């Protein structure tokens, strides 16, 4: 039958939950000879590397890649380089799949001749308790089962949640579409690039993936160095969106993502760098992000955007005051 699927798992300092992840990838209805699991040990200082080797010694369809620590993007790219499957799927090492979903997903890719398939997911906490299971608070996400091109999917169905692990995709799409290394928000930078290359994309409502929100994740970091880099990389993300939008006629999704990112930046500097707000506001004005687009905005976000368009300084002040009260 040939190798249908390569699952790439970047691994760093997840010793306590790695087995949960790998076991979920083995607890599938796809025959083992039809898929490989590529465990990329990104220089993890704990026992992750040993755990990976233990699994590989027992399972013929598990490969292990050991590399120096380079971050999530670099680890994924290392996995892509050695992947042999017709399709690619990314699974983060603190997350896990639902049992017996891979056969359904692969069959969908084959029968519909898809390049990209987006599946459903649920959020779980560290106690594996599910919350927000139906994306009620995730507006503008559309799981309809119609095949369309990538730009249509991006604009009409994706929403603004960009996660590499929510897709199964044809491996050839990754030619020239690797992850940008050394940045946070790599999934958001990468997702539109991927989708714009695709001609056949659709979704399934199948709840296939469990996304773990845990303390110590990058976006929850309180380290000053990481906090500053998070802010700088949000600005880089604005640059990337502005560059990518030049390639398409329908720019609405990119304009909306820029607006969402700018709101996030204004909130972030109000909470962490209020004394530097004018510097960052000037930088954003130089990037010509205003007026912010209200495309696919919630009512609450739209109100903030309208205020930001009138006076970003006043919006920062109002957020700052509310945070202190």
C-alpha atoms as a PDB file:
ATOM      1  CA  UNK A   1       0.000   0.000   0.000  1.00  0.00           C
ATOM      2  CA  UNK A   2       2.967   2.331   0.541  1.00  0.00           C
ATOM      3  CA  UNK A   3       3.604   4.872   3.257  1.00  0.00           C
ATOM      4  CA  UNK A   4       0.533   7.077   3.479  1.00  0.00           C
ATOM      5  CA  UNK A   5       1.312   9.411   6.361  1.00  0.00           C
ATOM      6  CA  UNK A   6       4.193  10.951   8.278  1.00  0.00           C
ATOM      7  CA  UNK A   7       3.369  12.378  11.714  1.00  0.00           C
ATOM      8  CA  UNK A   8       5.986  14.863  12.892  1.00  0.00           C
ATOM      9  CA  UNK A   9       6.291  15.468  16.646  1.00  0.00           C
ATOM     10  CA  UNK A  10       8.699  18.212  17.839  1.00  0.00           C
ATOM     11  CA  UNK A  11       9.793  17.441  21.402  1.00  0.00           C
ATOM     12  CA  UNK A  12      11.313  19.631  24.102  1.00  0.00           C
ATOM     13  CA  UNK A  13      11.000  19.326  27.902  1.00  0.00           C
ATOM     14  CA  UNK A  14       7.740  17.348  27.915  1.00  0.00           C
ATOM     15  CA  UNK A  15       8.926  14.277  29.798  1.00  0.00           C
ATOM     16  CA  UNK A  16       5.723  14.038  31.860  1.00  0.00           C
ATOM     17  CA  UNK A  17       3.284  14.052  28.949  1.00  0.00           C
ATOM     18  CA  UNK A  18       5.285  12.593  26.052  1.00  0.00           C
ATOM     19  CA  UNK A  19       4.020   9.043  26.533  1.00  0.00           C
ATOM     20  CA  UNK A  20       0.421  10.252  26.472  1.00  0.00           C
ATOM     21  CA  UNK A  21       1.095  11.861  23.102  1.00  0.00           C
ATOM     22  CA  UNK A  22       2.967   8.947  21.510  1.00  0.00           C
ATOM     23  CA  UNK A  23       0.511   6.342  22.789  1.00  0.00           C
ATOM     24  CA  UNK A  24      -2.321   8.290  21.182  1.00  0.00           C
ATOM     25  CA  UNK A  25      -0.500   8.135  17.845  1.00  0.00           C
ATOM     26  CA  UNK A  26      -0.141   4.376  18.184  1.00  0.00           C
ATOM     27  CA  UNK A  27      -3.756   3.858  19.231  1.00  0.00           C
ATOM     28  CA  UNK A  28      -5.012   4.272  15.678  1.00  0.00           C
ATOM     29  CA  UNK A  29      -6.866   2.268  13.072  1.00  0.00           C
ATOM     30  CA  UNK A  30      -4.381   2.967  10.264  1.00  0.00           C
ATOM     31  CA  UNK A  31      -2.113  -0.089   9.740  1.00  0.00           C
ATOM     32  CA  UNK A  32       1.357   0.614  11.214  1.00  0.00           C
ATOM     33  CA  UNK A  33       3.047  -0.086   7.886  1.00  0.00           C
ATOM     34  CA  UNK A  34       1.078   2.769   6.340  1.00  0.00           C
ATOM     35  CA  UNK A  35       2.278   5.540   8.617  1.00  0.00           C
ATOM     36  CA  UNK A  36       5.431   6.658  10.368  1.00  0.00           C
ATOM     37  CA  UNK A  37       5.858   8.653  13.554  1.00  0.00           C
ATOM     38  CA  UNK A  38       8.865  10.972  13.474  1.00  0.00           C
ATOM     39  CA  UNK A  39       9.900  12.016  16.989  1.00  0.00           C
ATOM     40  CA  UNK A  40      12.204  15.051  16.802  1.00  0.00           C
ATOM     41  CA  UNK A  41      14.160  15.460  20.029  1.00  0.00           C
ATOM     42  CA  UNK A  42      15.016  19.156  19.925  1.00  0.00           C
ATOM     43  CA  UNK A  43      17.946  18.887  22.319  1.00  0.00           C
ATOM     44  CA  UNK A  44      15.637  18.274  25.266  1.00  0.00           C
ATOM     45  CA  UNK A  45      17.604  18.333  28.565  1.00  0.00           C
ATOM     46  CA  UNK A  46      15.319  15.826  30.328  1.00  0.00           C
ATOM     47  CA  UNK A  47      14.602  12.157  29.521  1.00  0.00           C
ATOM     48  CA  UNK A  48      12.663  12.888  26.333  1.00  0.00           C
ATOM     49  CA  UNK A  49      15.433  11.596  24.097  1.00  0.00           C
ATOM     50  CA  UNK A  50      15.603   8.312  26.026  1.00  0.00           C
ATOM     51  CA  UNK A  51      11.833   7.910  25.945  1.00  0.00           C
ATOM     52  CA  UNK A  52      11.865   8.409  22.180  1.00  0.00           C
ATOM     53  CA  UNK A  53      14.493   5.722  21.728  1.00  0.00           C
ATOM     54  CA  UNK A  54      12.549   3.324  23.947  1.00  0.00           C
ATOM     55  CA  UNK A  55       9.499   3.701  21.714  1.00  0.00           C
ATOM     56  CA  UNK A  56      11.573   3.323  18.538  1.00  0.00           C
ATOM     57  CA  UNK A  57      13.108   0.095  19.855  1.00  0.00           C
ATOM     58  CA  UNK A  58       9.627  -1.412  20.210  1.00  0.00           C
ATOM     59  CA  UNK A  59       7.827   0.019  17.176  1.00  0.00           C
ATOM     60  CA  UNK A  60       9.103  -0.288  13.617  1.00  0.00           C
ATOM     61  CA  UNK A  61       7.114   2.717  12.402  1.00  0.00           C
ATOM     62  CA  UNK A  62       8.750   5.151  14.849  1.00  0.00           C
ATOM     63  CA  UNK A  63      11.799   7.154  13.796  1.00  0.00           C
ATOM     64  CA  UNK A  64      13.825   9.399  16.106  1.00  0.00           C
ATOM     65  CA  UNK A  65      15.706  12.518  15.082  1.00  0.00           C
ATOM     66  CA  UNK A  66      18.080  14.031  17.658  1.00  0.00           C
ATOM     67  CA  UNK A  67      19.173  17.611  17.032  1.00  0.00           C
ATOM     68  CA  UNK A  68      20.561  20.612  18.889  1.00  0.00           C
ATOM     69  CA  UNK A  69      17.904  22.829  20.357  1.00  0.00           C
ATOM     70  CA  UNK A  70      16.614  25.185  17.699  1.00  0.00           C
ATOM     71  CA  UNK A  71      12.980  25.757  18.558  1.00  0.00           C
ATOM     72  CA  UNK A  72       9.657  24.461  17.311  1.00  0.00           C
ATOM     73  CA  UNK A  73      10.048  25.566  13.691  1.00  0.00           C
ATOM     74  CA  UNK A  74      13.512  24.061  13.331  1.00  0.00           C
ATOM     75  CA  UNK A  75      12.338  20.780  14.862  1.00  0.00           C
ATOM     76  CA  UNK A  76       9.377  20.571  12.491  1.00  0.00           C
ATOM     77  CA  UNK A  77      11.626  21.349   9.536  1.00  0.00           C
ATOM     78  CA  UNK A  78      13.992  18.549  10.581  1.00  0.00           C
ATOM     79  CA  UNK A  79      11.038  16.166  10.576  1.00  0.00           C
ATOM     80  CA  UNK A  80       9.851  17.351   7.167  1.00  0.00           C
ATOM     81  CA  UNK A  81      13.274  16.657   5.671  1.00  0.00           C
ATOM     82  CA  UNK A  82      13.187  12.957   6.614  1.00  0.00           C
ATOM     83  CA  UNK A  83       9.443  12.384   6.114  1.00  0.00           C
ATOM     84  CA  UNK A  84       8.516   9.783   3.475  1.00  0.00           C
ATOM     85  CA  UNK A  85       4.728   9.721   3.693  1.00  0.00           C
ATOM     86  CA  UNK A  86       2.371  10.928   1.004  1.00  0.00           C
ATOM     87  CA  UNK A  87       0.724  13.145   3.618  1.00  0.00           C
ATOM     88  CA  UNK A  88       2.071  15.127   6.575  1.00  0.00           C
ATOM     89  CA  UNK A  89       0.539  15.806   9.956  1.00  0.00           C
ATOM     90  CA  UNK A  90       2.038  17.775  12.846  1.00  0.00           C
ATOM     91  CA  UNK A  91       1.317  16.884  16.461  1.00  0.00           C
ATOM     92  CA  UNK A  92       2.745  18.912  19.335  1.00  0.00           C
ATOM     93  CA  UNK A  93       4.296  16.718  22.001  1.00  0.00           C
ATOM     94  CA  UNK A  94       2.064  17.890  24.856  1.00  0.00           C
ATOM     95  CA  UNK A  95      -1.105  17.265  22.813  1.00  0.00           C
ATOM     96  CA  UNK A  96      -2.730  13.999  21.770  1.00  0.00           C
ATOM     97  CA  UNK A  97      -5.029  12.512  19.142  1.00  0.00           C
ATOM     98  CA  UNK A  98      -8.374  10.901  19.680  1.00  0.00           C
ATOM     99  CA  UNK A  99      -8.326   7.105  19.147  1.00  0.00           C
ATOM    100  CA  UNK A 100      -8.883   5.700  15.662  1.00  0.00           C
ATOM    101  CA  UNK A 101      -9.106   8.889  13.636  1.00  0.00           C
ATOM    102  CA  UNK A 102      -6.188   8.565  11.229  1.00  0.00           C
ATOM    103  CA  UNK A 103      -7.832   6.108   8.827  1.00  0.00           C
ATOM    104  CA  UNK A 104     -10.823   8.390   8.402  1.00  0.00           C
ATOM    105  CA  UNK A 105      -8.601  11.412   7.761  1.00  0.00           C
ATOM    106  CA  UNK A 106      -6.342   9.610   5.276  1.00  0.00           C
ATOM    107  CA  UNK A 107      -9.337   8.150   3.443  1.00  0.00           C
ATOM    108  CA  UNK A 108     -10.803  11.645   3.149  1.00  0.00           C
ATOM    109  CA  UNK A 109      -7.548  12.963   1.691  1.00  0.00           C
ATOM    110  CA  UNK A 110      -7.479  10.143  -0.866  1.00  0.00           C
ATOM    111  CA  UNK A 111     -11.105   9.925  -1.938  1.00  0.00           C
ATOM    112  CA  UNK A 112     -11.512  13.709  -2.327  1.00  0.00           C
ATOM    113  CA  UNK A 113      -8.008  14.153  -3.791  1.00  0.00           C
ATOM    114  CA  UNK A 114      -7.271  16.878  -1.246  1.00  0.00           C
ATOM    115  CA  UNK A 115      -4.143  18.890  -0.700  1.00  0.00           C
ATOM    116  CA  UNK A 116      -5.203  20.146   2.749  1.00  0.00           C
ATOM    117  CA  UNK A 117      -7.766  18.804   5.229  1.00  0.00           C
ATOM    118  CA  UNK A 118      -8.605  20.774   8.394  1.00  0.00           C
ATOM    119  CA  UNK A 119     -10.075  18.714  11.258  1.00  0.00           C
ATOM    120  CA  UNK A 120     -11.745  19.736  14.485  1.00  0.00           C
ATOM    121  CA  UNK A 121     -10.078  19.982  17.900  1.00  0.00           C
ATOM    122  CA  UNK A 122     -10.902  20.571  21.534  1.00  0.00           C
ATOM    123  CA  UNK A 123      -9.003  22.415  24.244  1.00  0.00           C
ATOM    124  CA  UNK A 124      -8.015  20.517  27.383  1.00  0.00           C
ATOM    125  CA  UNK A 125      -6.285  21.606  30.572  1.00  0.00           C
ATOM    126  CA  UNK A 126      -3.538  19.790  32.466  1.00  0.00           C
ATOM    127  CA  UNK A 127      -6.147  17.581  34.133  1.00  0.00           C
ATOM    128  CA  UNK A 128      -7.361  16.580  30.636  1.00  0.00           C
ATOM    129  CA  UNK A 129     -10.641  18.367  31.321  1.00  0.00           C
ATOM    130  CA  UNK A 130     -12.333  19.636  28.181  1.00  0.00           C
ATOM    131  CA  UNK A 131     -13.402  23.241  27.858  1.00  0.00           C
ATOM    132  CA  UNK A 132     -14.743  25.170  24.872  1.00  0.00           C
ATOM    133  CA  UNK A 133     -15.397  21.837  23.102  1.00  0.00           C
ATOM    134  CA  UNK A 134     -17.522  23.264  20.295  1.00  0.00           C
ATOM    135  CA  UNK A 135     -15.626  26.501  19.566  1.00  0.00           C
ATOM    136  CA  UNK A 136     -18.622  28.566  20.622  1.00  0.00           C
ATOM    137  CA  UNK A 137     -16.314  31.501  21.308  1.00  0.00           C
ATOM    138  CA  UNK A 138     -14.332  31.005  18.066  1.00  0.00           C
ATOM    139  CA  UNK A 139     -16.338  32.991  15.539  1.00  0.00           C
ATOM    140  CA  UNK A 140     -16.031  32.797  11.772  1.00  0.00           C
ATOM    141  CA  UNK A 141     -14.717  29.194  11.830  1.00  0.00           C
ATOM    142  CA  UNK A 142     -16.597  27.154   9.233  1.00  0.00           C
ATOM    143  CA  UNK A 143     -16.272  23.353   9.048  1.00  0.00           C
ATOM    144  CA  UNK A 144     -18.455  22.890   5.973  1.00  0.00           C
ATOM    145  CA  UNK A 145     -17.480  19.967   3.767  1.00  0.00           C
ATOM    146  CA  UNK A 146     -16.999  21.700   0.420  1.00  0.00           C
ATOM    147  CA  UNK A 147     -13.773  21.705  -1.510  1.00  0.00           C
ATOM    148  CA  UNK A 148     -12.381  25.119  -2.397  1.00  0.00           C
ATOM    149  CA  UNK A 149      -9.073  26.797  -3.143  1.00  0.00           C
ATOM    150  CA  UNK A 150      -6.786  27.937  -0.355  1.00  0.00           C
ATOM    151  CA  UNK A 151      -7.562  31.654  -0.570  1.00  0.00           C
ATOM    152  CA  UNK A 152     -11.302  31.021  -0.334  1.00  0.00           C
ATOM    153  CA  UNK A 153     -10.730  28.751   2.646  1.00  0.00           C
ATOM    154  CA  UNK A 154      -8.493  31.322   4.309  1.00  0.00           C
ATOM    155  CA  UNK A 155     -10.954  34.158   3.795  1.00  0.00           C
ATOM    156  CA  UNK A 156     -14.283  32.443   4.418  1.00  0.00           C
ATOM    157  CA  UNK A 157     -13.695  29.438   6.673  1.00  0.00           C
ATOM    158  CA  UNK A 158     -10.478  29.513   8.702  1.00  0.00           C
ATOM    159  CA  UNK A 159     -11.202  32.325  11.128  1.00  0.00           C
ATOM    160  CA  UNK A 160      -8.029  33.673  12.729  1.00  0.00           C
ATOM    161  CA  UNK A 161      -6.888  30.514  14.514  1.00  0.00           C
ATOM    162  CA  UNK A 162      -3.734  29.376  12.719  1.00  0.00           C
ATOM    163  CA  UNK A 163      -2.411  26.066  14.031  1.00  0.00           C
ATOM    164  CA  UNK A 164      -0.179  23.768  11.989  1.00  0.00           C
ATOM    165  CA  UNK A 165      -1.469  20.758  13.935  1.00  0.00           C
ATOM    166  CA  UNK A 166      -5.066  21.209  12.731  1.00  0.00           C
ATOM    167  CA  UNK A 167      -4.217  20.133   9.167  1.00  0.00           C
ATOM    168  CA  UNK A 168      -3.368  16.998   7.281  1.00  0.00           C
ATOM    169  CA  UNK A 169      -1.650  18.015   4.055  1.00  0.00           C
ATOM    170  CA  UNK A 170      -0.010  16.655   0.948  1.00  0.00           C
ATOM    171  CA  UNK A 171       3.745  16.528   1.451  1.00  0.00           C
ATOM    172  CA  UNK A 172       4.546  18.231  -1.875  1.00  0.00           C
ATOM    173  CA  UNK A 173       2.904  21.428  -0.600  1.00  0.00           C
ATOM    174  CA  UNK A 174       5.800  21.873   1.816  1.00  0.00           C
ATOM    175  CA  UNK A 175       8.304  22.307  -1.004  1.00  0.00           C
ATOM    176  CA  UNK A 176       9.356  25.912  -0.530  1.00  0.00           C
ATOM    177  CA  UNK A 177       6.980  26.261   2.406  1.00  0.00           C
ATOM    178  CA  UNK A 178       9.011  25.359   5.470  1.00  0.00           C
ATOM    179  CA  UNK A 179       8.537  27.008   8.851  1.00  0.00           C
ATOM    180  CA  UNK A 180      10.344  30.258   9.540  1.00  0.00           C
ATOM    181  CA  UNK A 181      12.851  29.552  12.267  1.00  0.00           C
ATOM    182  CA  UNK A 182      13.688  31.618  15.333  1.00  0.00           C
ATOM    183  CA  UNK A 183      10.309  33.306  15.768  1.00  0.00           C
ATOM    184  CA  UNK A 184       7.218  32.898  17.912  1.00  0.00           C
ATOM    185  CA  UNK A 185       3.806  32.748  16.180  1.00  0.00           C
ATOM    186  CA  UNK A 186       5.387  30.544  13.523  1.00  0.00           C
ATOM    187  CA  UNK A 187       2.070  28.834  12.829  1.00  0.00           C
ATOM    188  CA  UNK A 188       0.347  32.126  12.047  1.00  0.00           C
ATOM    189  CA  UNK A 189       3.164  33.145   9.708  1.00  0.00           C
ATOM    190  CA  UNK A 190       3.165  29.734   7.987  1.00  0.00           C
ATOM    191  CA  UNK A 191      -0.549  28.917   7.615  1.00  0.00           C
ATOM    192  CA  UNK A 192      -1.485  31.507   4.972  1.00  0.00           C
ATOM    193  CA  UNK A 193       1.632  30.683   2.963  1.00  0.00           C
ATOM    194  CA  UNK A 194       0.582  27.043   2.924  1.00  0.00           C
ATOM    195  CA  UNK A 195      -3.044  27.686   2.055  1.00  0.00           C
ATOM    196  CA  UNK A 196      -2.257  30.085  -0.773  1.00  0.00           C
ATOM    197  CA  UNK A 197      -0.409  27.238  -2.510  1.00  0.00           C
ATOM    198  CA  UNK A 198      -3.350  24.842  -2.249  1.00  0.00           C
ATOM    199  CA  UNK A 199      -6.074  24.317  -4.844  1.00  0.00           C
ATOM    200  CA  UNK A 200      -8.165  21.719  -2.994  1.00  0.00           C
ATOM    201  CA  UNK A 201      -8.936  22.364   0.678  1.00  0.00           C
ATOM    202  CA  UNK A 202     -11.814  21.391   2.921  1.00  0.00           C
ATOM    203  CA  UNK A 203     -12.730  20.579   6.520  1.00  0.00           C
ATOM    204  CA  UNK A 204     -14.196  17.775   8.522  1.00  0.00           C
ATOM    205  CA  UNK A 205     -16.027  18.253  11.783  1.00  0.00           C
ATOM    206  CA  UNK A 206     -14.376  15.103  13.146  1.00  0.00           C
ATOM    207  CA  UNK A 207     -13.036  15.904  16.619  1.00  0.00           C
ATOM    208  CA  UNK A 208      -9.563  14.460  16.120  1.00  0.00           C
ATOM    209  CA  UNK A 209      -7.160  16.516  18.221  1.00  0.00           C
ATOM    210  CA  UNK A 210      -6.751  17.528  21.868  1.00  0.00           C
ATOM    211  CA  UNK A 211      -4.840  20.763  22.419  1.00  0.00           C
ATOM    212  CA  UNK A 212      -3.283  21.088  25.872  1.00  0.00           C
ATOM    213  CA  UNK A 213      -3.029  24.520  27.458  1.00  0.00           C
ATOM    214  CA  UNK A 214      -0.424  24.230  30.195  1.00  0.00           C
ATOM    215  CA  UNK A 215       1.545  26.509  32.457  1.00  0.00           C
ATOM    216  CA  UNK A 216       4.995  27.282  31.168  1.00  0.00           C
ATOM    217  CA  UNK A 217       4.012  27.538  27.524  1.00  0.00           C
ATOM    218  CA  UNK A 218       5.629  30.254  25.427  1.00  0.00           C
ATOM    219  CA  UNK A 219       2.613  32.529  25.319  1.00  0.00           C
ATOM    220  CA  UNK A 220       2.273  32.391  29.107  1.00  0.00           C
ATOM    221  CA  UNK A 221       5.912  33.197  29.768  1.00  0.00           C
ATOM    222  CA  UNK A 222       6.798  35.919  32.275  1.00  0.00           C
ATOM    223  CA  UNK A 223      10.536  35.977  31.524  1.00  0.00           C
ATOM    224  CA  UNK A 224      11.542  39.469  30.425  1.00  0.00           C
ATOM    225  CA  UNK A 225      13.613  38.256  27.474  1.00  0.00           C
ATOM    226  CA  UNK A 226      10.725  36.180  26.148  1.00  0.00           C
ATOM    227  CA  UNK A 227       8.211  38.947  26.834  1.00  0.00           C
ATOM    228  CA  UNK A 228      10.240  41.383  24.757  1.00  0.00           C
ATOM    229  CA  UNK A 229      10.721  38.873  21.952  1.00  0.00           C
ATOM    230  CA  UNK A 230       6.999  38.111  21.913  1.00  0.00           C
ATOM    231  CA  UNK A 231       6.346  41.779  21.299  1.00  0.00           C
ATOM    232  CA  UNK A 232       8.995  42.118  18.598  1.00  0.00           C
ATOM    233  CA  UNK A 233       7.724  38.997  16.841  1.00  0.00           C
ATOM    234  CA  UNK A 234       4.162  40.345  16.855  1.00  0.00           C
ATOM    235  CA  UNK A 235       5.537  43.286  14.886  1.00  0.00           C
ATOM    236  CA  UNK A 236       7.340  40.895  12.534  1.00  0.00           C
ATOM    237  CA  UNK A 237       4.046  39.094  12.036  1.00  0.00           C
ATOM    238  CA  UNK A 238       2.452  42.342  10.883  1.00  0.00           C
ATOM    239  CA  UNK A 239       5.261  42.704   8.338  1.00  0.00           C
ATOM    240  CA  UNK A 240       4.736  39.142   7.115  1.00  0.00           C
ATOM    241  CA  UNK A 241       0.988  39.636   6.682  1.00  0.00           C
ATOM    242  CA  UNK A 242       1.528  42.867   4.754  1.00  0.00           C
ATOM    243  CA  UNK A 243       4.016  41.117   2.473  1.00  0.00           C
ATOM    244  CA  UNK A 244       1.836  38.061   1.861  1.00  0.00           C
ATOM    245  CA  UNK A 245      -1.282  40.098   1.115  1.00  0.00           C
ATOM    246  CA  UNK A 246       0.432  41.609  -1.893  1.00  0.00           C
ATOM    247  CA  UNK A 247       0.104  38.229  -3.640  1.00  0.00           C
ATOM    248  CA  UNK A 248      -3.708  38.119  -3.598  1.00  0.00           C
ATOM    249  CA  UNK A 249      -6.599  40.231  -4.829  1.00  0.00           C
ATOM    250  CA  UNK A 250      -8.882  39.499  -1.882  1.00  0.00           C
ATOM    251  CA  UNK A 251      -6.897  40.954   1.002  1.00  0.00           C
ATOM    252  CA  UNK A 252      -9.637  40.874   3.645  1.00  0.00           C
ATOM    253  CA  UNK A 253      -8.255  38.027   5.753  1.00  0.00           C
ATOM    254  CA  UNK A 254      -4.795  39.594   5.883  1.00  0.00           C
ATOM    255  CA  UNK A 255      -6.228  42.986   6.771  1.00  0.00           C
ATOM    256  CA  UNK A 256      -8.262  41.348   9.514  1.00  0.00           C
ATOM    257  CA  UNK A 257      -5.278  39.416  10.869  1.00  0.00           C
ATOM    258  CA  UNK A 258      -3.187  42.583  10.903  1.00  0.00           C
ATOM    259  CA  UNK A 259      -5.948  44.329  12.845  1.00  0.00           C
ATOM    260  CA  UNK A 260      -6.177  41.469  15.348  1.00  0.00           C
ATOM    261  CA  UNK A 261      -2.402  41.505  15.783  1.00  0.00           C
ATOM    262  CA  UNK A 262      -2.273  45.272  16.272  1.00  0.00           C
ATOM    263  CA  UNK A 263      -4.985  45.054  18.933  1.00  0.00           C
ATOM    264  CA  UNK A 264      -2.914  42.381  20.639  1.00  0.00           C
ATOM    265  CA  UNK A 265       0.172  44.606  20.483  1.00  0.00           C
ATOM    266  CA  UNK A 266      -1.672  47.577  21.954  1.00  0.00           C
ATOM    267  CA  UNK A 267      -2.985  45.428  24.770  1.00  0.00           C
ATOM    268  CA  UNK A 268       0.433  43.917  25.370  1.00  0.00           C
ATOM    269  CA  UNK A 269       2.301  47.210  25.601  1.00  0.00           C
ATOM    270  CA  UNK A 270      -0.442  48.650  27.818  1.00  0.00           C
ATOM    271  CA  UNK A 271       0.030  45.759  30.254  1.00  0.00           C
ATOM    272  CA  UNK A 272       3.812  45.411  30.088  1.00  0.00           C
ATOM    273  CA  UNK A 273       5.476  48.454  28.518  1.00  0.00           C
ATOM    274  CA  UNK A 274       3.094  51.329  29.029  1.00  0.00           C
ATOM    275  CA  UNK A 275       5.932  53.831  29.317  1.00  0.00           C
ATOM    276  CA  UNK A 276       7.081  52.880  25.807  1.00  0.00           C
ATOM    277  CA  UNK A 277       3.645  53.048  24.203  1.00  0.00           C
ATOM    278  CA  UNK A 278       4.381  56.070  22.030  1.00  0.00           C
ATOM    279  CA  UNK A 279       7.458  54.394  20.574  1.00  0.00           C
ATOM    280  CA  UNK A 280       5.506  51.317  19.543  1.00  0.00           C
ATOM    281  CA  UNK A 281       2.527  53.317  18.321  1.00  0.00           C
ATOM    282  CA  UNK A 282       4.889  55.304  16.117  1.00  0.00           C
ATOM    283  CA  UNK A 283       6.372  52.056  14.767  1.00  0.00           C
ATOM    284  CA  UNK A 284       2.911  50.766  13.883  1.00  0.00           C
ATOM    285  CA  UNK A 285       1.963  54.030  12.210  1.00  0.00           C
ATOM    286  CA  UNK A 286       5.126  53.793  10.134  1.00  0.00           C
ATOM    287  CA  UNK A 287       3.985  50.323   9.078  1.00  0.00           C
ATOM    288  CA  UNK A 288       0.710  51.955   7.913  1.00  0.00           C
ATOM    289  CA  UNK A 289      -1.551  49.560   9.791  1.00  0.00           C
ATOM    290  CA  UNK A 290      -4.209  52.180  10.536  1.00  0.00           C
ATOM    291  CA  UNK A 291      -7.127  52.298  10.003  1.00  0.00           C
ATOM    292  CA  UNK A 292      -7.651  48.803  11.339  1.00  0.00           C
ATOM    293  CA  UNK A 293      -9.975  46.536   9.391  1.00  0.00           C
ATOM    294  CA  UNK A 294     -13.017  45.137  11.202  1.00  0.00           C
ATOM    295  CA  UNK A 295     -13.220  42.080   8.922  1.00  0.00           C
ATOM    296  CA  UNK A 296     -14.326  39.029  10.933  1.00  0.00           C
ATOM    297  CA  UNK A 297     -14.217  40.977  14.185  1.00  0.00           C
ATOM    298  CA  UNK A 298     -16.371  40.347  17.205  1.00  0.00           C
ATOM    299  CA  UNK A 299     -18.416  43.288  18.460  1.00  0.00           C
ATOM    300  CA  UNK A 300     -16.025  43.780  21.375  1.00  0.00           C
ATOM    301  CA  UNK A 301     -12.974  43.781  19.094  1.00  0.00           C
ATOM    302  CA  UNK A 302     -14.700  46.091  16.646  1.00  0.00           C
ATOM    303  CA  UNK A 303     -15.294  48.664  19.380  1.00  0.00           C
ATOM    304  CA  UNK A 304     -11.605  48.584  20.321  1.00  0.00           C
ATOM    305  CA  UNK A 305     -10.564  48.893  16.675  1.00  0.00           C
ATOM    306  CA  UNK A 306     -12.729  51.934  16.130  1.00  0.00           C
ATOM    307  CA  UNK A 307     -11.211  53.519  19.224  1.00  0.00           C
ATOM    308  CA  UNK A 308      -7.703  52.587  18.061  1.00  0.00           C
ATOM    309  CA  UNK A 309      -8.400  54.166  14.690  1.00  0.00           C
ATOM    310  CA  UNK A 310      -9.376  57.408  16.450  1.00  0.00           C
ATOM    311  CA  UNK A 311      -6.549  57.328  19.009  1.00  0.00           C
ATOM    312  CA  UNK A 312      -4.319  54.322  19.765  1.00  0.00           C
ATOM    313  CA  UNK A 313      -2.872  56.283  22.681  1.00  0.00           C
ATOM    314  CA  UNK A 314      -6.302  56.646  24.267  1.00  0.00           C
ATOM    315  CA  UNK A 315      -7.001  52.927  23.809  1.00  0.00           C
ATOM    316  CA  UNK A 316      -3.699  52.124  25.554  1.00  0.00           C
ATOM    317  CA  UNK A 317      -4.577  54.472  28.395  1.00  0.00           C
ATOM    318  CA  UNK A 318      -8.007  52.907  28.850  1.00  0.00           C
ATOM    319  CA  UNK A 319      -6.524  49.394  28.934  1.00  0.00           C
ATOM    320  CA  UNK A 320      -3.817  50.542  31.358  1.00  0.00           C
ATOM    321  CA  UNK A 321      -6.354  52.083  33.728  1.00  0.00           C
ATOM    322  CA  UNK A 322      -8.594  49.028  33.605  1.00  0.00           C
ATOM    323  CA  UNK A 323      -5.663  46.727  34.359  1.00  0.00           C
ATOM    324  CA  UNK A 324      -4.722  48.796  37.417  1.00  0.00           C
ATOM    325  CA  UNK A 325      -8.218  48.998  38.848  1.00  0.00           C
END
